[in-house]
Amino acid sequence: MADLTARESESLRVQKVEQVYRDKGYDVLIEPQGDQLPDFLHAFQPDLIAHKGDEHIVVEVRTRGQVSDFPQVNELAKVVRNEADWRFQLFLMGPENSFFVDGASPLTVEEIRSRRKEVALFLQNGHLEAAFLMG
């Protein structure tokens, strides 16, 4: 199989995330534009927006190699955070469009709770990059 272009790879990653939300019963807009965007998002082009009832999720899909995009993602997250019934979700995908990293082992429930507390402390103290990396 021929190598995928960067745009094709990005499209495949977004489609995988789209399916995750559709499987959970959300209506999904891929790369919404113009009238599909609420006023507060007109300066952005999110990868997708998922809607279910009063719940609205703005989603960005990135690879670990795209962490340099963090300032733009962070700004989008800040804008969404100020809106009632809206939340922001960032998906970090592994290589070859995988959701998993080779050799990684799942965290225990206690490890997850501990990390959530650490992330909350980082956020409270304004250490957004540290919270992002831990989360």
N, C-alpha and C. Protein backbone atom coordinates (compact mmCIF):
# COMPACT_ATOMS: atom_id res chain seq x y z
N MET A 1 0.85 -1.17 0.00
CA MET A 1 0.00 0.00 0.00
C MET A 1 0.89 1.23 0.00
N ALA A 2 0.57 2.20 -0.81
CA ALA A 2 1.37 3.41 -0.91
C ALA A 2 1.26 4.22 0.37
N ASP A 3 2.31 4.99 0.64
CA ASP A 3 2.29 5.85 1.82
C ASP A 3 1.17 6.88 1.68
N LEU A 4 0.51 7.14 2.79
CA LEU A 4 -0.55 8.14 2.79
C LEU A 4 0.06 9.53 2.89
N THR A 5 -0.58 10.49 2.25
CA THR A 5 -0.15 11.87 2.41
C THR A 5 -0.52 12.32 3.82
N ALA A 6 0.06 13.42 4.25
CA ALA A 6 -0.24 13.94 5.58
C ALA A 6 -1.73 14.24 5.71
N ARG A 7 -2.33 14.80 4.66
CA ARG A 7 -3.75 15.14 4.69
C ARG A 7 -4.62 13.88 4.78
N GLU A 8 -4.24 12.84 4.04
CA GLU A 8 -5.00 11.58 4.10
C GLU A 8 -4.88 10.95 5.48
N SER A 9 -3.69 11.00 6.07
CA SER A 9 -3.50 10.45 7.41
C SER A 9 -4.33 11.21 8.43
N GLU A 10 -4.34 12.54 8.31
CA GLU A 10 -5.15 13.35 9.22
C GLU A 10 -6.62 13.01 9.07
N SER A 11 -7.07 12.87 7.84
CA SER A 11 -8.46 12.54 7.58
C SER A 11 -8.84 11.19 8.20
N LEU A 12 -7.96 10.21 8.11
CA LEU A 12 -8.23 8.90 8.71
C LEU A 12 -8.31 9.00 10.23
N ARG A 13 -7.44 9.79 10.85
CA ARG A 13 -7.48 9.96 12.30
C ARG A 13 -8.80 10.60 12.72
N VAL A 14 -9.20 11.64 12.00
CA VAL A 14 -10.45 12.32 12.33
C VAL A 14 -11.64 11.37 12.15
N GLN A 15 -11.62 10.55 11.11
CA GLN A 15 -12.71 9.59 10.89
C GLN A 15 -12.79 8.57 12.03
N LYS A 16 -11.65 8.15 12.56
CA LYS A 16 -11.67 7.21 13.69
C LYS A 16 -12.34 7.84 14.90
N VAL A 17 -11.98 9.09 15.18
CA VAL A 17 -12.57 9.79 16.32
C VAL A 17 -14.05 10.06 16.07
N GLU A 18 -14.40 10.42 14.85
CA GLU A 18 -15.81 10.62 14.49
C GLU A 18 -16.62 9.37 14.82
N GLN A 19 -16.09 8.22 14.47
CA GLN A 19 -16.82 6.97 14.71
C GLN A 19 -17.00 6.70 16.20
N VAL A 20 -16.01 7.07 17.00
CA VAL A 20 -16.12 6.92 18.46
C VAL A 20 -17.35 7.68 18.96
N TYR A 21 -17.51 8.92 18.50
CA TYR A 21 -18.65 9.72 18.95
C TYR A 21 -19.96 9.22 18.35
N ARG A 22 -19.97 8.83 17.10
CA ARG A 22 -21.20 8.30 16.48
C ARG A 22 -21.66 7.03 17.21
N ASP A 23 -20.70 6.19 17.59
CA ASP A 23 -21.04 4.96 18.33
C ASP A 23 -21.67 5.27 19.68
N LYS A 24 -21.40 6.46 20.22
CA LYS A 24 -21.98 6.87 21.50
C LYS A 24 -23.26 7.67 21.31
N GLY A 25 -23.75 7.76 20.08
CA GLY A 25 -25.02 8.42 19.81
C GLY A 25 -24.95 9.90 19.51
N TYR A 26 -23.78 10.42 19.25
CA TYR A 26 -23.64 11.84 18.93
C TYR A 26 -23.87 12.09 17.44
N ASP A 27 -24.40 13.27 17.13
CA ASP A 27 -24.38 13.78 15.76
C ASP A 27 -23.05 14.49 15.61
N VAL A 28 -22.36 14.25 14.49
CA VAL A 28 -21.00 14.76 14.34
C VAL A 28 -20.87 15.58 13.06
N LEU A 29 -20.25 16.74 13.18
CA LEU A 29 -19.89 17.57 12.04
C LEU A 29 -18.38 17.53 11.89
N ILE A 30 -17.90 17.11 10.73
CA ILE A 30 -16.46 17.07 10.48
C ILE A 30 -16.04 18.39 9.84
N GLU A 31 -14.98 18.99 10.40
CA GLU A 31 -14.45 20.27 9.93
C GLU A 31 -15.56 21.27 9.64
N PRO A 32 -16.39 21.56 10.65
CA PRO A 32 -17.49 22.50 10.44
C PRO A 32 -16.98 23.89 10.07
N GLN A 33 -17.78 24.58 9.27
CA GLN A 33 -17.41 25.92 8.80
C GLN A 33 -18.64 26.80 8.76
N GLY A 34 -18.42 28.10 8.69
CA GLY A 34 -19.50 29.06 8.48
C GLY A 34 -20.64 28.92 9.46
N ASP A 35 -21.85 28.70 8.92
CA ASP A 35 -23.06 28.61 9.75
C ASP A 35 -23.08 27.39 10.65
N GLN A 36 -22.21 26.42 10.40
CA GLN A 36 -22.15 25.24 11.26
C GLN A 36 -21.46 25.53 12.58
N LEU A 37 -20.75 26.67 12.64
CA LEU A 37 -20.01 27.05 13.85
C LEU A 37 -20.79 28.07 14.67
N PRO A 38 -20.82 27.90 15.99
CA PRO A 38 -21.40 28.95 16.82
C PRO A 38 -20.50 30.19 16.75
N ASP A 39 -21.04 31.35 17.09
CA ASP A 39 -20.29 32.60 16.98
C ASP A 39 -18.95 32.56 17.68
N PHE A 40 -18.88 31.95 18.85
CA PHE A 40 -17.63 31.96 19.62
C PHE A 40 -16.53 31.12 18.97
N LEU A 41 -16.86 30.32 17.97
CA LEU A 41 -15.85 29.49 17.30
C LEU A 41 -15.47 29.98 15.90
N HIS A 42 -15.99 31.11 15.48
CA HIS A 42 -15.75 31.55 14.10
C HIS A 42 -14.28 31.81 13.79
N ALA A 43 -13.45 32.06 14.80
CA ALA A 43 -12.02 32.28 14.56
C ALA A 43 -11.24 30.97 14.48
N PHE A 44 -11.93 29.85 14.63
CA PHE A 44 -11.27 28.54 14.67
C PHE A 44 -11.87 27.61 13.62
N GLN A 45 -11.15 26.54 13.33
CA GLN A 45 -11.69 25.47 12.50
C GLN A 45 -11.41 24.15 13.20
N PRO A 46 -12.29 23.75 14.12
CA PRO A 46 -12.07 22.49 14.83
C PRO A 46 -12.18 21.30 13.88
N ASP A 47 -11.55 20.20 14.28
CA ASP A 47 -11.62 18.99 13.45
C ASP A 47 -13.04 18.45 13.40
N LEU A 48 -13.73 18.49 14.53
CA LEU A 48 -15.13 18.09 14.52
C LEU A 48 -15.85 18.64 15.73
N ILE A 49 -17.17 18.68 15.61
CA ILE A 49 -18.04 19.04 16.73
C ILE A 49 -19.06 17.93 16.86
N ALA A 50 -19.23 17.45 18.09
CA ALA A 50 -20.20 16.39 18.37
C ALA A 50 -21.33 16.98 19.23
N HIS A 51 -22.57 16.64 18.89
CA HIS A 51 -23.75 17.12 19.61
C HIS A 51 -24.60 15.93 20.04
N LYS A 52 -25.07 15.99 21.27
CA LYS A 52 -26.06 15.02 21.75
C LYS A 52 -26.88 15.72 22.83
N GLY A 53 -28.13 16.01 22.51
CA GLY A 53 -28.96 16.75 23.45
C GLY A 53 -28.36 18.13 23.71
N ASP A 54 -28.22 18.46 25.00
CA ASP A 54 -27.64 19.75 25.39
C ASP A 54 -26.12 19.70 25.50
N GLU A 55 -25.53 18.59 25.16
CA GLU A 55 -24.08 18.44 25.26
C GLU A 55 -23.43 18.70 23.90
N HIS A 56 -22.39 19.54 23.92
CA HIS A 56 -21.68 19.90 22.70
C HIS A 56 -20.19 19.76 22.96
N ILE A 57 -19.48 19.06 22.09
CA ILE A 57 -18.06 18.81 22.28
C ILE A 57 -17.29 19.28 21.05
N VAL A 58 -16.33 20.15 21.29
CA VAL A 58 -15.42 20.61 20.24
C VAL A 58 -14.19 19.71 20.32
N VAL A 59 -13.84 19.09 19.19
CA VAL A 59 -12.79 18.07 19.19
C VAL A 59 -11.65 18.46 18.25
N GLU A 60 -10.44 18.33 18.76
CA GLU A 60 -9.23 18.45 17.94
C GLU A 60 -8.52 17.11 17.99
N VAL A 61 -7.99 16.68 16.86
CA VAL A 61 -7.27 15.42 16.75
C VAL A 61 -5.84 15.74 16.33
N ARG A 62 -4.89 15.31 17.13
CA ARG A 62 -3.48 15.58 16.85
C ARG A 62 -2.67 14.30 17.03
N THR A 63 -1.50 14.29 16.43
CA THR A 63 -0.53 13.23 16.71
C THR A 63 0.44 13.78 17.74
N ARG A 64 1.18 12.90 18.35
CA ARG A 64 2.17 13.35 19.34
C ARG A 64 3.19 14.28 18.69
N GLY A 65 3.43 14.11 17.41
CA GLY A 65 4.36 14.97 16.69
C GLY A 65 3.82 16.37 16.44
N GLN A 66 2.54 16.59 16.69
CA GLN A 66 1.93 17.90 16.46
C GLN A 66 1.77 18.69 17.75
N VAL A 67 2.52 18.32 18.78
CA VAL A 67 2.41 19.02 20.06
C VAL A 67 2.81 20.48 19.90
N SER A 68 3.57 20.81 18.88
CA SER A 68 3.93 22.22 18.64
C SER A 68 2.70 23.07 18.35
N ASP A 69 1.58 22.44 18.01
CA ASP A 69 0.32 23.15 17.78
C ASP A 69 -0.36 23.54 19.09
N PHE A 70 0.27 23.23 20.22
CA PHE A 70 -0.37 23.42 21.51
C PHE A 70 -0.91 24.83 21.75
N PRO A 71 -0.19 25.92 21.39
CA PRO A 71 -0.77 27.25 21.66
C PRO A 71 -2.14 27.45 21.01
N GLN A 72 -2.33 27.00 19.78
CA GLN A 72 -3.62 27.15 19.11
C GLN A 72 -4.68 26.28 19.79
N VAL A 73 -4.30 25.07 20.13
CA VAL A 73 -5.23 24.16 20.80
C VAL A 73 -5.61 24.72 22.16
N ASN A 74 -4.63 25.26 22.87
CA ASN A 74 -4.88 25.84 24.19
C ASN A 74 -5.85 27.02 24.09
N GLU A 75 -5.68 27.86 23.10
CA GLU A 75 -6.58 29.00 22.91
C GLU A 75 -8.00 28.53 22.62
N LEU A 76 -8.14 27.52 21.78
CA LEU A 76 -9.46 26.96 21.48
C LEU A 76 -10.10 26.40 22.76
N ALA A 77 -9.32 25.68 23.55
CA ALA A 77 -9.84 25.11 24.80
C ALA A 77 -10.32 26.22 25.74
N LYS A 78 -9.59 27.31 25.82
CA LYS A 78 -9.99 28.44 26.68
C LYS A 78 -11.32 29.03 26.23
N VAL A 79 -11.48 29.20 24.93
CA VAL A 79 -12.72 29.78 24.40
C VAL A 79 -13.90 28.87 24.70
N VAL A 80 -13.73 27.58 24.49
CA VAL A 80 -14.82 26.62 24.71
C VAL A 80 -15.18 26.54 26.19
N ARG A 81 -14.18 26.61 27.04
CA ARG A 81 -14.39 26.50 28.50
C ARG A 81 -15.36 27.57 29.01
N ASN A 82 -15.42 28.71 28.34
CA ASN A 82 -16.28 29.81 28.79
C ASN A 82 -17.73 29.67 28.34
N GLU A 83 -18.06 28.61 27.64
CA GLU A 83 -19.41 28.43 27.10
C GLU A 83 -20.16 27.33 27.86
N ALA A 84 -21.37 27.67 28.30
CA ALA A 84 -22.21 26.68 28.99
C ALA A 84 -22.57 25.55 28.03
N ASP A 85 -22.61 24.34 28.53
CA ASP A 85 -23.00 23.14 27.77
C ASP A 85 -22.01 22.76 26.68
N TRP A 86 -20.83 23.36 26.68
CA TRP A 86 -19.80 23.03 25.71
C TRP A 86 -18.56 22.56 26.45
N ARG A 87 -17.85 21.62 25.82
CA ARG A 87 -16.56 21.22 26.37
C ARG A 87 -15.61 20.92 25.23
N PHE A 88 -14.34 20.88 25.57
CA PHE A 88 -13.28 20.66 24.59
C PHE A 88 -12.65 19.31 24.83
N GLN A 89 -12.37 18.59 23.76
CA GLN A 89 -11.72 17.27 23.86
C GLN A 89 -10.57 17.23 22.87
N LEU A 90 -9.39 16.87 23.37
CA LEU A 90 -8.21 16.71 22.53
C LEU A 90 -7.87 15.23 22.46
N PHE A 91 -7.76 14.70 21.24
CA PHE A 91 -7.32 13.32 21.04
C PHE A 91 -5.88 13.36 20.55
N LEU A 92 -4.99 12.69 21.29
CA LEU A 92 -3.61 12.52 20.84
C LEU A 92 -3.49 11.11 20.31
N MET A 93 -3.21 11.00 19.04
CA MET A 93 -3.14 9.69 18.39
C MET A 93 -1.68 9.27 18.25
N GLY A 94 -1.47 7.98 18.28
CA GLY A 94 -0.13 7.44 18.08
C GLY A 94 0.19 7.29 16.61
N PRO A 95 1.34 6.71 16.31
CA PRO A 95 1.74 6.50 14.91
C PRO A 95 0.80 5.54 14.19
N GLU A 96 0.83 5.61 12.87
CA GLU A 96 -0.01 4.75 12.03
C GLU A 96 -1.48 4.82 12.43
N ASN A 97 -1.92 6.00 12.84
CA ASN A 97 -3.33 6.21 13.17
C ASN A 97 -3.83 5.31 14.29
N SER A 98 -2.96 4.92 15.16
CA SER A 98 -3.31 4.01 16.24
C SER A 98 -3.74 4.79 17.48
N PHE A 99 -4.67 4.24 18.22
CA PHE A 99 -5.04 4.82 19.50
C PHE A 99 -4.06 4.40 20.60
N PHE A 100 -3.19 3.45 20.33
CA PHE A 100 -2.34 2.87 21.35
C PHE A 100 -0.87 3.06 21.03
N VAL A 101 -0.06 3.12 22.07
CA VAL A 101 1.38 3.23 21.93
C VAL A 101 1.97 1.87 22.26
N ASP A 102 2.82 1.35 21.37
CA ASP A 102 3.43 0.04 21.61
C ASP A 102 4.17 0.03 22.94
N GLY A 103 3.99 -1.04 23.69
CA GLY A 103 4.69 -1.22 24.95
C GLY A 103 4.03 -0.53 26.13
N ALA A 104 3.00 0.25 25.89
CA ALA A 104 2.33 0.94 26.99
C ALA A 104 1.41 -0.02 27.71
N SER A 105 1.36 0.12 29.01
CA SER A 105 0.45 -0.72 29.78
C SER A 105 -0.66 0.16 30.35
N PRO A 106 -1.84 -0.40 30.53
CA PRO A 106 -2.95 0.39 31.05
C PRO A 106 -2.69 0.83 32.49
N LEU A 107 -3.23 1.98 32.84
CA LEU A 107 -3.11 2.48 34.21
C LEU A 107 -4.16 1.83 35.09
N THR A 108 -3.82 1.68 36.36
CA THR A 108 -4.80 1.20 37.33
C THR A 108 -5.75 2.34 37.67
N VAL A 109 -6.87 2.02 38.29
CA VAL A 109 -7.83 3.04 38.69
C VAL A 109 -7.15 4.03 39.65
N GLU A 110 -6.35 3.53 40.57
CA GLU A 110 -5.67 4.40 41.52
C GLU A 110 -4.66 5.32 40.82
N GLU A 111 -3.96 4.82 39.83
CA GLU A 111 -3.02 5.65 39.07
C GLU A 111 -3.76 6.75 38.31
N ILE A 112 -4.91 6.42 37.77
CA ILE A 112 -5.71 7.42 37.05
C ILE A 112 -6.17 8.50 38.02
N ARG A 113 -6.67 8.11 39.18
CA ARG A 113 -7.11 9.10 40.18
C ARG A 113 -5.97 10.01 40.60
N SER A 114 -4.82 9.42 40.82
CA SER A 114 -3.64 10.19 41.23
C SER A 114 -3.25 11.20 40.15
N ARG A 115 -3.25 10.77 38.92
CA ARG A 115 -2.88 11.68 37.82
C ARG A 115 -3.91 12.79 37.64
N ARG A 116 -5.17 12.46 37.83
CA ARG A 116 -6.21 13.50 37.72
C ARG A 116 -6.00 14.58 38.77
N LYS A 117 -5.62 14.16 39.99
CA LYS A 117 -5.34 15.14 41.05
C LYS A 117 -4.15 16.02 40.67
N GLU A 118 -3.11 15.41 40.12
CA GLU A 118 -1.94 16.17 39.70
C GLU A 118 -2.30 17.17 38.60
N VAL A 119 -3.08 16.73 37.64
CA VAL A 119 -3.50 17.62 36.55
C VAL A 119 -4.31 18.78 37.11
N ALA A 120 -5.22 18.50 38.03
CA ALA A 120 -6.04 19.56 38.64
C ALA A 120 -5.15 20.59 39.34
N LEU A 121 -4.13 20.13 40.05
CA LEU A 121 -3.22 21.06 40.72
C LEU A 121 -2.45 21.91 39.71
N PHE A 122 -1.99 21.29 38.64
CA PHE A 122 -1.29 22.05 37.61
C PHE A 122 -2.21 23.13 37.03
N LEU A 123 -3.45 22.77 36.75
CA LEU A 123 -4.40 23.72 36.19
C LEU A 123 -4.68 24.87 37.15
N GLN A 124 -4.88 24.53 38.44
CA GLN A 124 -5.15 25.56 39.45
C GLN A 124 -4.01 26.56 39.56
N ASN A 125 -2.80 26.10 39.34
CA ASN A 125 -1.62 26.95 39.47
C ASN A 125 -1.18 27.56 38.14
N GLY A 126 -1.99 27.39 37.10
CA GLY A 126 -1.70 28.01 35.82
C GLY A 126 -0.64 27.33 34.99
N HIS A 127 -0.31 26.09 35.33
CA HIS A 127 0.71 25.34 34.58
C HIS A 127 0.01 24.50 33.51
N LEU A 128 -0.48 25.17 32.47
CA LEU A 128 -1.29 24.50 31.46
C LEU A 128 -0.51 23.47 30.67
N GLU A 129 0.72 23.77 30.32
CA GLU A 129 1.51 22.81 29.54
C GLU A 129 1.77 21.54 30.34
N ALA A 130 2.09 21.70 31.62
CA ALA A 130 2.32 20.52 32.47
C ALA A 130 1.03 19.70 32.59
N ALA A 131 -0.10 20.38 32.75
CA ALA A 131 -1.39 19.68 32.84
C ALA A 131 -1.67 18.93 31.54
N PHE A 132 -1.38 19.58 30.43
CA PHE A 132 -1.58 18.96 29.12
C PHE A 132 -0.74 17.69 28.98
N LEU A 133 0.52 17.78 29.36
CA LEU A 133 1.41 16.63 29.23
C LEU A 133 1.02 15.49 30.17
N MET A 134 0.55 15.82 31.36
CA MET A 134 0.14 14.79 32.32
C MET A 134 -1.20 14.18 31.94
N GLY A 135 -2.08 15.00 31.38
CA GLY A 135 -3.43 14.55 31.07
C GLY A 135 -3.42 13.67 29.89
